[in-house]
Amino acid sequence: MSITLKTDHGDIKIELFCLATPKTCENFLALCASGYYDNCKFHRNIPGFMIQTGDPTGTGKGGTSIWGRMFEDEIKSSLKHNDRGIVSMANKSKPDTNGSQFFITYERHPHLDSKHTVFGKVIDGFDTLDALEKVPINEKNKPLKDIFIREVVIHANPIAENVR
């Protein structure tokens, strides 16, 4: 199961861990399928750390799950922030506060393990990730020029197929 984020800087293909994190992937795929992430800004970019998106307000303070509330973490000891390109849910710095925001790591960050649900990894588009990491930012880690996810392409959505 995978999706492609079509960004202003190129495409990023992400493999999703649907078996290990079914609720997180259900939420993410449903938001992708509804167009929720289309034209969504990357509102936070910290070189050497991560880039964050998933808030339709573009402020970093918005966003919700498909259930209209925060949902619980799906922390798995086998899924770690151990590489460049790990995709994980952003939260409010406390457990079970997932909504729609997510981030992609620029390098390994084990201090995030057990604090954020890892639900995917980049499998293609590392050149795009490189380009995103180089985007100039202000003192609050906001890109000086807006960067958008223009569209999300879903490749074989097993959750949608189960609903039919």
N, C-alpha and C. Protein backbone atom coordinates (compact mmCIF):
# COMPACT_ATOMS: atom_id res chain seq x y z
N MET A 1 0.85 -1.17 0.00
CA MET A 1 0.00 0.00 0.00
C MET A 1 0.89 1.23 0.00
N SER A 2 0.64 2.13 -0.92
CA SER A 2 1.45 3.34 -0.98
C SER A 2 0.65 4.51 -1.52
N ILE A 3 1.20 5.70 -1.29
CA ILE A 3 0.62 6.94 -1.82
C ILE A 3 1.77 7.78 -2.37
N THR A 4 1.43 8.73 -3.21
CA THR A 4 2.42 9.70 -3.68
C THR A 4 1.95 11.10 -3.34
N LEU A 5 2.80 11.84 -2.62
CA LEU A 5 2.56 13.26 -2.38
C LEU A 5 3.14 14.01 -3.57
N LYS A 6 2.31 14.75 -4.29
CA LYS A 6 2.78 15.57 -5.39
C LYS A 6 2.96 16.98 -4.84
N THR A 7 4.22 17.39 -4.67
CA THR A 7 4.53 18.68 -4.05
C THR A 7 5.05 19.67 -5.08
N ASP A 8 5.21 20.91 -4.66
CA ASP A 8 5.79 21.95 -5.52
C ASP A 8 7.23 21.63 -5.92
N HIS A 9 7.89 20.75 -5.18
CA HIS A 9 9.29 20.42 -5.43
C HIS A 9 9.49 19.03 -6.02
N GLY A 10 8.39 18.34 -6.32
CA GLY A 10 8.48 17.00 -6.88
C GLY A 10 7.63 16.01 -6.09
N ASP A 11 7.74 14.76 -6.47
CA ASP A 11 6.92 13.71 -5.88
C ASP A 11 7.67 12.96 -4.78
N ILE A 12 6.90 12.52 -3.78
CA ILE A 12 7.42 11.67 -2.71
C ILE A 12 6.48 10.48 -2.59
N LYS A 13 6.99 9.29 -2.85
CA LYS A 13 6.19 8.08 -2.72
C LYS A 13 6.43 7.46 -1.35
N ILE A 14 5.34 7.12 -0.67
CA ILE A 14 5.39 6.63 0.70
C ILE A 14 4.71 5.27 0.80
N GLU A 15 5.42 4.32 1.36
CA GLU A 15 4.84 3.02 1.70
C GLU A 15 4.17 3.16 3.06
N LEU A 16 2.92 2.70 3.16
CA LEU A 16 2.18 2.79 4.42
C LEU A 16 2.18 1.44 5.13
N PHE A 17 2.26 1.49 6.44
CA PHE A 17 2.29 0.28 7.27
C PHE A 17 0.88 -0.02 7.79
N CYS A 18 -0.01 -0.40 6.86
CA CYS A 18 -1.42 -0.59 7.20
C CYS A 18 -1.68 -1.74 8.17
N LEU A 19 -0.91 -2.80 8.07
CA LEU A 19 -1.12 -3.93 8.99
C LEU A 19 -0.69 -3.59 10.41
N ALA A 20 0.39 -2.87 10.55
CA ALA A 20 0.91 -2.52 11.88
C ALA A 20 0.15 -1.36 12.52
N THR A 21 -0.33 -0.44 11.69
CA THR A 21 -1.01 0.76 12.21
C THR A 21 -2.33 0.99 11.46
N PRO A 22 -3.29 0.08 11.62
CA PRO A 22 -4.51 0.14 10.82
C PRO A 22 -5.37 1.39 11.03
N LYS A 23 -5.51 1.83 12.26
CA LYS A 23 -6.35 3.00 12.52
C LYS A 23 -5.70 4.27 11.96
N THR A 24 -4.41 4.41 12.15
CA THR A 24 -3.69 5.57 11.62
C THR A 24 -3.76 5.59 10.10
N CYS A 25 -3.56 4.44 9.48
CA CYS A 25 -3.61 4.38 8.02
C CYS A 25 -5.04 4.58 7.50
N GLU A 26 -6.03 4.08 8.21
CA GLU A 26 -7.42 4.33 7.81
C GLU A 26 -7.69 5.84 7.79
N ASN A 27 -7.29 6.52 8.84
CA ASN A 27 -7.46 7.97 8.92
C ASN A 27 -6.71 8.67 7.79
N PHE A 28 -5.45 8.33 7.62
CA PHE A 28 -4.61 8.98 6.61
C PHE A 28 -5.15 8.75 5.20
N LEU A 29 -5.48 7.50 4.88
CA LEU A 29 -5.99 7.19 3.54
C LEU A 29 -7.33 7.85 3.26
N ALA A 30 -8.21 7.88 4.26
CA ALA A 30 -9.50 8.53 4.06
C ALA A 30 -9.32 10.03 3.83
N LEU A 31 -8.41 10.65 4.58
CA LEU A 31 -8.13 12.07 4.36
C LEU A 31 -7.53 12.29 2.98
N CYS A 32 -6.61 11.41 2.57
CA CYS A 32 -6.04 11.51 1.22
C CYS A 32 -7.13 11.38 0.16
N ALA A 33 -8.00 10.38 0.29
CA ALA A 33 -9.04 10.12 -0.70
C ALA A 33 -10.05 11.25 -0.80
N SER A 34 -10.27 11.95 0.30
CA SER A 34 -11.26 13.04 0.31
C SER A 34 -10.70 14.35 -0.24
N GLY A 35 -9.39 14.39 -0.53
CA GLY A 35 -8.76 15.63 -0.99
C GLY A 35 -8.35 16.56 0.13
N TYR A 36 -8.43 16.08 1.35
CA TYR A 36 -8.12 16.90 2.53
C TYR A 36 -6.72 17.51 2.47
N TYR A 37 -5.76 16.74 1.97
CA TYR A 37 -4.37 17.22 1.93
C TYR A 37 -4.03 17.99 0.65
N ASP A 38 -4.95 18.02 -0.31
CA ASP A 38 -4.68 18.75 -1.55
C ASP A 38 -4.54 20.24 -1.25
N ASN A 39 -3.46 20.83 -1.75
CA ASN A 39 -3.14 22.25 -1.53
C ASN A 39 -2.88 22.58 -0.06
N CYS A 40 -2.41 21.60 0.67
CA CYS A 40 -2.04 21.78 2.08
C CYS A 40 -0.58 22.21 2.17
N LYS A 41 -0.30 23.20 3.00
CA LYS A 41 1.07 23.72 3.16
C LYS A 41 1.93 22.81 4.03
N PHE A 42 3.21 22.82 3.73
CA PHE A 42 4.21 22.33 4.69
C PHE A 42 4.49 23.55 5.57
N HIS A 43 3.99 23.54 6.79
CA HIS A 43 4.04 24.74 7.64
C HIS A 43 5.26 24.78 8.55
N ARG A 44 5.99 23.68 8.65
CA ARG A 44 7.15 23.62 9.56
C ARG A 44 8.25 22.81 8.89
N ASN A 45 9.45 23.37 8.85
CA ASN A 45 10.56 22.71 8.16
C ASN A 45 11.84 22.95 8.95
N ILE A 46 12.37 21.89 9.54
CA ILE A 46 13.57 22.01 10.37
C ILE A 46 14.66 21.13 9.75
N PRO A 47 15.61 21.75 9.02
CA PRO A 47 16.68 20.96 8.40
C PRO A 47 17.40 20.09 9.44
N GLY A 48 17.68 18.85 9.04
CA GLY A 48 18.32 17.91 9.95
C GLY A 48 17.34 17.22 10.88
N PHE A 49 16.08 17.64 10.86
CA PHE A 49 15.07 17.06 11.74
C PHE A 49 13.88 16.53 10.95
N MET A 50 12.98 17.42 10.50
CA MET A 50 11.78 16.95 9.81
C MET A 50 11.06 18.10 9.11
N ILE A 51 10.09 17.72 8.26
CA ILE A 51 9.17 18.66 7.63
C ILE A 51 7.76 18.20 7.96
N GLN A 52 6.88 19.16 8.29
CA GLN A 52 5.54 18.83 8.81
C GLN A 52 4.46 19.48 7.95
N THR A 53 3.34 18.77 7.81
CA THR A 53 2.19 19.23 7.05
C THR A 53 0.93 18.58 7.61
N GLY A 54 -0.20 18.77 6.92
CA GLY A 54 -1.43 18.10 7.31
C GLY A 54 -2.44 18.99 8.01
N ASP A 55 -2.13 20.28 8.12
CA ASP A 55 -3.04 21.24 8.73
C ASP A 55 -3.62 22.12 7.63
N PRO A 56 -4.93 21.98 7.33
CA PRO A 56 -5.51 22.76 6.24
C PRO A 56 -5.50 24.28 6.49
N THR A 57 -5.32 24.71 7.73
CA THR A 57 -5.24 26.15 8.00
C THR A 57 -3.86 26.69 7.68
N GLY A 58 -2.86 25.80 7.59
CA GLY A 58 -1.50 26.22 7.30
C GLY A 58 -0.76 26.83 8.48
N THR A 59 -1.36 26.79 9.66
CA THR A 59 -0.76 27.43 10.84
C THR A 59 -0.01 26.45 11.74
N GLY A 60 -0.31 25.17 11.62
CA GLY A 60 0.24 24.18 12.53
C GLY A 60 -0.64 23.95 13.74
N LYS A 61 -1.76 24.65 13.81
CA LYS A 61 -2.66 24.53 14.96
C LYS A 61 -3.97 23.84 14.62
N GLY A 62 -4.19 23.54 13.35
CA GLY A 62 -5.46 22.99 12.91
C GLY A 62 -5.37 21.54 12.50
N GLY A 63 -6.48 21.07 11.98
CA GLY A 63 -6.55 19.71 11.48
C GLY A 63 -7.32 18.79 12.40
N THR A 64 -7.97 17.80 11.80
CA THR A 64 -8.73 16.84 12.58
C THR A 64 -8.71 15.49 11.89
N SER A 65 -9.06 14.48 12.63
CA SER A 65 -9.13 13.12 12.08
C SER A 65 -10.46 12.94 11.37
N ILE A 66 -10.62 11.79 10.73
CA ILE A 66 -11.89 11.48 10.07
C ILE A 66 -13.01 11.28 11.08
N TRP A 67 -12.66 11.07 12.33
CA TRP A 67 -13.66 10.86 13.38
C TRP A 67 -14.06 12.17 14.07
N GLY A 68 -13.44 13.27 13.66
CA GLY A 68 -13.77 14.57 14.25
C GLY A 68 -13.21 14.78 15.64
N ARG A 69 -12.28 13.94 16.03
CA ARG A 69 -11.65 14.04 17.35
C ARG A 69 -10.24 13.47 17.25
N MET A 70 -9.45 13.70 18.28
CA MET A 70 -8.12 13.10 18.32
C MET A 70 -8.27 11.59 18.52
N PHE A 71 -7.28 10.86 18.03
CA PHE A 71 -7.34 9.40 18.20
C PHE A 71 -6.03 8.88 18.78
N GLU A 72 -6.09 7.64 19.25
CA GLU A 72 -5.00 7.06 20.02
C GLU A 72 -3.79 6.70 19.15
N ASP A 73 -2.65 6.67 19.82
CA ASP A 73 -1.40 6.25 19.19
C ASP A 73 -1.45 4.76 18.86
N GLU A 74 -0.65 4.38 17.87
CA GLU A 74 -0.42 2.97 17.55
C GLU A 74 1.10 2.76 17.54
N ILE A 75 1.67 2.87 18.72
CA ILE A 75 3.13 2.73 18.87
C ILE A 75 3.50 1.25 18.76
N LYS A 76 4.42 0.95 17.88
CA LYS A 76 4.92 -0.41 17.69
C LYS A 76 6.43 -0.40 17.90
N SER A 77 6.92 -1.31 18.72
CA SER A 77 8.36 -1.34 19.00
C SER A 77 9.18 -1.64 17.75
N SER A 78 8.56 -2.27 16.76
CA SER A 78 9.28 -2.60 15.52
C SER A 78 9.37 -1.42 14.55
N LEU A 79 8.58 -0.37 14.79
CA LEU A 79 8.58 0.80 13.91
C LEU A 79 9.24 1.96 14.62
N LYS A 80 10.37 2.37 14.09
CA LYS A 80 11.19 3.39 14.77
C LYS A 80 11.53 4.54 13.82
N HIS A 81 11.92 5.64 14.42
CA HIS A 81 12.42 6.81 13.68
C HIS A 81 13.92 6.62 13.45
N ASN A 82 14.24 5.58 12.67
CA ASN A 82 15.63 5.14 12.56
C ASN A 82 16.29 5.45 11.22
N ASP A 83 15.67 6.34 10.42
CA ASP A 83 16.21 6.59 9.09
C ASP A 83 15.64 7.89 8.52
N ARG A 84 16.23 8.34 7.46
CA ARG A 84 15.69 9.45 6.69
C ARG A 84 14.42 8.96 5.99
N GLY A 85 13.37 9.77 5.98
CA GLY A 85 12.16 9.43 5.27
C GLY A 85 11.12 8.66 6.06
N ILE A 86 11.23 8.64 7.38
CA ILE A 86 10.19 8.00 8.21
C ILE A 86 9.00 8.95 8.29
N VAL A 87 7.79 8.40 8.11
CA VAL A 87 6.55 9.19 8.15
C VAL A 87 5.83 8.86 9.44
N SER A 88 5.49 9.91 10.19
CA SER A 88 4.97 9.73 11.54
C SER A 88 3.89 10.77 11.82
N MET A 89 2.98 10.43 12.72
CA MET A 89 1.93 11.38 13.11
C MET A 89 2.50 12.46 14.02
N ALA A 90 2.14 13.70 13.73
CA ALA A 90 2.43 14.81 14.65
C ALA A 90 1.36 14.78 15.73
N ASN A 91 1.71 15.21 16.92
CA ASN A 91 0.72 15.26 17.99
C ASN A 91 0.95 16.50 18.85
N LYS A 92 0.20 16.59 19.92
CA LYS A 92 0.27 17.76 20.80
C LYS A 92 1.24 17.53 21.96
N SER A 93 2.30 16.80 21.71
CA SER A 93 3.34 16.48 22.71
C SER A 93 2.81 15.69 23.90
N LYS A 94 1.72 14.97 23.68
CA LYS A 94 1.21 14.05 24.69
C LYS A 94 0.53 12.89 23.99
N PRO A 95 0.36 11.78 24.67
CA PRO A 95 -0.20 10.58 24.04
C PRO A 95 -1.62 10.78 23.53
N ASP A 96 -1.94 10.03 22.48
CA ASP A 96 -3.31 9.92 21.97
C ASP A 96 -3.91 11.25 21.52
N THR A 97 -3.09 12.08 20.87
CA THR A 97 -3.56 13.38 20.38
C THR A 97 -3.31 13.52 18.87
N ASN A 98 -3.55 12.44 18.13
CA ASN A 98 -3.38 12.44 16.68
C ASN A 98 -4.60 13.03 15.99
N GLY A 99 -4.36 13.71 14.89
CA GLY A 99 -5.44 14.28 14.09
C GLY A 99 -5.18 14.05 12.62
N SER A 100 -4.70 15.09 11.94
CA SER A 100 -4.39 14.98 10.51
C SER A 100 -2.94 15.32 10.19
N GLN A 101 -2.24 15.96 11.12
CA GLN A 101 -0.88 16.40 10.83
C GLN A 101 0.12 15.25 10.92
N PHE A 102 1.09 15.31 10.00
CA PHE A 102 2.15 14.30 9.98
C PHE A 102 3.46 14.95 9.58
N PHE A 103 4.55 14.21 9.78
CA PHE A 103 5.86 14.72 9.40
C PHE A 103 6.69 13.63 8.77
N ILE A 104 7.72 14.08 8.05
CA ILE A 104 8.69 13.18 7.41
C ILE A 104 10.06 13.56 7.94
N THR A 105 10.79 12.57 8.45
CA THR A 105 12.11 12.86 9.04
C THR A 105 13.17 13.07 7.97
N TYR A 106 14.13 13.92 8.31
CA TYR A 106 15.30 14.14 7.45
C TYR A 106 16.46 13.24 7.84
N GLU A 107 16.42 12.69 9.03
CA GLU A 107 17.43 11.73 9.48
C GLU A 107 16.85 10.97 10.67
N ARG A 108 17.62 10.04 11.22
CA ARG A 108 17.12 9.23 12.33
C ARG A 108 16.96 10.09 13.59
N HIS A 109 15.90 9.82 14.33
CA HIS A 109 15.62 10.56 15.57
C HIS A 109 15.00 9.61 16.59
N PRO A 110 15.83 8.79 17.24
CA PRO A 110 15.30 7.80 18.18
C PRO A 110 14.57 8.42 19.37
N HIS A 111 14.82 9.69 19.68
CA HIS A 111 14.11 10.32 20.80
C HIS A 111 12.60 10.43 20.53
N LEU A 112 12.18 10.26 19.26
CA LEU A 112 10.76 10.31 18.92
C LEU A 112 10.06 8.96 19.10
N ASP A 113 10.84 7.88 19.20
CA ASP A 113 10.26 6.55 19.38
C ASP A 113 9.41 6.52 20.64
N SER A 114 8.29 5.84 20.58
CA SER A 114 7.32 5.71 21.68
C SER A 114 6.56 7.00 21.96
N LYS A 115 6.79 8.05 21.16
CA LYS A 115 6.08 9.32 21.35
C LYS A 115 5.21 9.68 20.15
N HIS A 116 5.55 9.14 18.98
CA HIS A 116 4.81 9.42 17.75
C HIS A 116 4.59 8.12 16.99
N THR A 117 3.41 7.97 16.40
CA THR A 117 3.09 6.77 15.63
C THR A 117 3.76 6.82 14.26
N VAL A 118 4.69 5.90 14.03
CA VAL A 118 5.30 5.72 12.71
C VAL A 118 4.31 4.91 11.88
N PHE A 119 3.91 5.45 10.71
CA PHE A 119 2.95 4.72 9.88
C PHE A 119 3.38 4.57 8.42
N GLY A 120 4.59 5.00 8.10
CA GLY A 120 5.06 4.83 6.74
C GLY A 120 6.52 5.22 6.58
N LYS A 121 7.00 5.04 5.34
CA LYS A 121 8.36 5.46 5.03
C LYS A 121 8.44 5.84 3.55
N VAL A 122 9.30 6.78 3.26
CA VAL A 122 9.54 7.20 1.88
C VAL A 122 10.26 6.07 1.15
N ILE A 123 9.74 5.71 -0.03
CA ILE A 123 10.39 4.67 -0.84
C ILE A 123 10.88 5.22 -2.17
N ASP A 124 10.46 6.42 -2.52
CA ASP A 124 10.94 7.08 -3.74
C ASP A 124 10.72 8.58 -3.58
N GLY A 125 11.62 9.35 -4.16
CA GLY A 125 11.50 10.80 -4.07
C GLY A 125 12.44 11.42 -3.05
N PHE A 126 13.54 10.74 -2.77
CA PHE A 126 14.50 11.30 -1.82
C PHE A 126 15.13 12.59 -2.35
N ASP A 127 15.18 12.74 -3.68
CA ASP A 127 15.66 14.00 -4.26
C ASP A 127 14.71 15.14 -3.91
N THR A 128 13.42 14.85 -3.88
CA THR A 128 12.43 15.85 -3.47
C THR A 128 12.59 16.18 -1.99
N LEU A 129 12.80 15.17 -1.17
CA LEU A 129 13.04 15.39 0.26
C LEU A 129 14.28 16.25 0.46
N ASP A 130 15.33 15.98 -0.33
CA ASP A 130 16.55 16.80 -0.28
C ASP A 130 16.24 18.26 -0.61
N ALA A 131 15.43 18.47 -1.65
CA ALA A 131 15.07 19.84 -2.07
C ALA A 131 14.26 20.54 -0.98
N LEU A 132 13.34 19.82 -0.35
CA LEU A 132 12.52 20.41 0.72
C LEU A 132 13.39 20.83 1.90
N GLU A 133 14.37 20.00 2.23
CA GLU A 133 15.23 20.31 3.37
C GLU A 133 16.03 21.59 3.14
N LYS A 134 16.27 21.94 1.89
CA LYS A 134 17.07 23.12 1.56
C LYS A 134 16.25 24.40 1.42
N VAL A 135 14.93 24.31 1.55
CA VAL A 135 14.08 25.50 1.41
C VAL A 135 14.39 26.47 2.55
N PRO A 136 14.64 27.75 2.24
CA PRO A 136 14.90 28.74 3.29
C PRO A 136 13.70 28.89 4.23
N ILE A 137 14.01 29.07 5.51
CA ILE A 137 12.98 29.19 6.55
C ILE A 137 13.23 30.44 7.39
N ASN A 138 12.21 30.85 8.14
CA ASN A 138 12.38 31.97 9.07
C ASN A 138 12.77 31.44 10.45
N GLU A 139 12.83 32.34 11.42
CA GLU A 139 13.26 31.96 12.78
C GLU A 139 12.28 31.02 13.47
N LYS A 140 11.05 30.89 12.94
CA LYS A 140 10.07 29.97 13.51
C LYS A 140 9.94 28.68 12.68
N ASN A 141 10.92 28.43 11.83
CA ASN A 141 10.98 27.22 10.99
C ASN A 141 9.86 27.14 9.95
N LYS A 142 9.30 28.28 9.61
CA LYS A 142 8.28 28.34 8.56
C LYS A 142 8.98 28.66 7.24
N PRO A 143 8.69 27.90 6.18
CA PRO A 143 9.30 28.22 4.89
C PRO A 143 9.02 29.66 4.47
N LEU A 144 10.04 30.34 3.95
CA LEU A 144 9.87 31.73 3.52
C LEU A 144 8.93 31.81 2.32
N LYS A 145 8.94 30.80 1.48
CA LYS A 145 8.01 30.70 0.36
C LYS A 145 7.16 29.46 0.60
N ASP A 146 5.85 29.61 0.50
CA ASP A 146 4.95 28.49 0.76
C ASP A 146 5.28 27.29 -0.13
N ILE A 147 5.22 26.11 0.48
CA ILE A 147 5.40 24.83 -0.21
C ILE A 147 4.10 24.06 0.01
N PHE A 148 3.57 23.48 -1.05
CA PHE A 148 2.29 22.80 -0.96
C PHE A 148 2.36 21.34 -1.40
N ILE A 149 1.49 20.53 -0.79
CA ILE A 149 1.11 19.24 -1.38
C ILE A 149 0.02 19.62 -2.36
N ARG A 150 0.23 19.43 -3.62
CA ARG A 150 -0.78 19.78 -4.62
C ARG A 150 -1.85 18.71 -4.76
N GLU A 151 -1.42 17.47 -4.57
CA GLU A 151 -2.34 16.35 -4.75
C GLU A 151 -1.73 15.12 -4.10
N VAL A 152 -2.60 14.20 -3.68
CA VAL A 152 -2.14 12.91 -3.18
C VAL A 152 -2.73 11.83 -4.08
N VAL A 153 -1.88 10.97 -4.59
CA VAL A 153 -2.32 9.84 -5.41
C VAL A 153 -2.23 8.58 -4.56
N ILE A 154 -3.34 7.86 -4.49
CA ILE A 154 -3.39 6.61 -3.73
C ILE A 154 -3.18 5.45 -4.69
N HIS A 155 -2.27 4.57 -4.34
CA HIS A 155 -1.99 3.38 -5.15
C HIS A 155 -2.58 2.17 -4.43
N ALA A 156 -3.68 1.64 -4.93
CA ALA A 156 -4.35 0.47 -4.35
C ALA A 156 -4.74 0.72 -2.90
N ASN A 157 -5.96 1.15 -2.69
CA ASN A 157 -6.47 1.48 -1.36
C ASN A 157 -7.30 0.31 -0.82
N PRO A 158 -6.72 -0.56 0.03
CA PRO A 158 -7.46 -1.72 0.53
C PRO A 158 -8.59 -1.32 1.47
N ILE A 159 -8.49 -0.20 2.12
CA ILE A 159 -9.54 0.23 3.05
C ILE A 159 -10.79 0.62 2.26
N ALA A 160 -10.63 1.37 1.18
CA ALA A 160 -11.77 1.75 0.35
C ALA A 160 -12.41 0.51 -0.28
N GLU A 161 -11.59 -0.46 -0.68
CA GLU A 161 -12.11 -1.68 -1.29
C GLU A 161 -12.92 -2.49 -0.29
N ASN A 162 -12.57 -2.46 0.99
CA ASN A 162 -13.31 -3.20 2.02
C ASN A 162 -14.65 -2.56 2.32
N VAL A 163 -14.79 -1.26 2.05
CA VAL A 163 -16.03 -0.55 2.35
C VAL A 163 -17.10 -0.86 1.32
N ARG A 164 -16.68 -1.14 0.09
CA ARG A 164 -17.64 -1.37 -1.01
C ARG A 164 -18.49 -2.57 -0.81
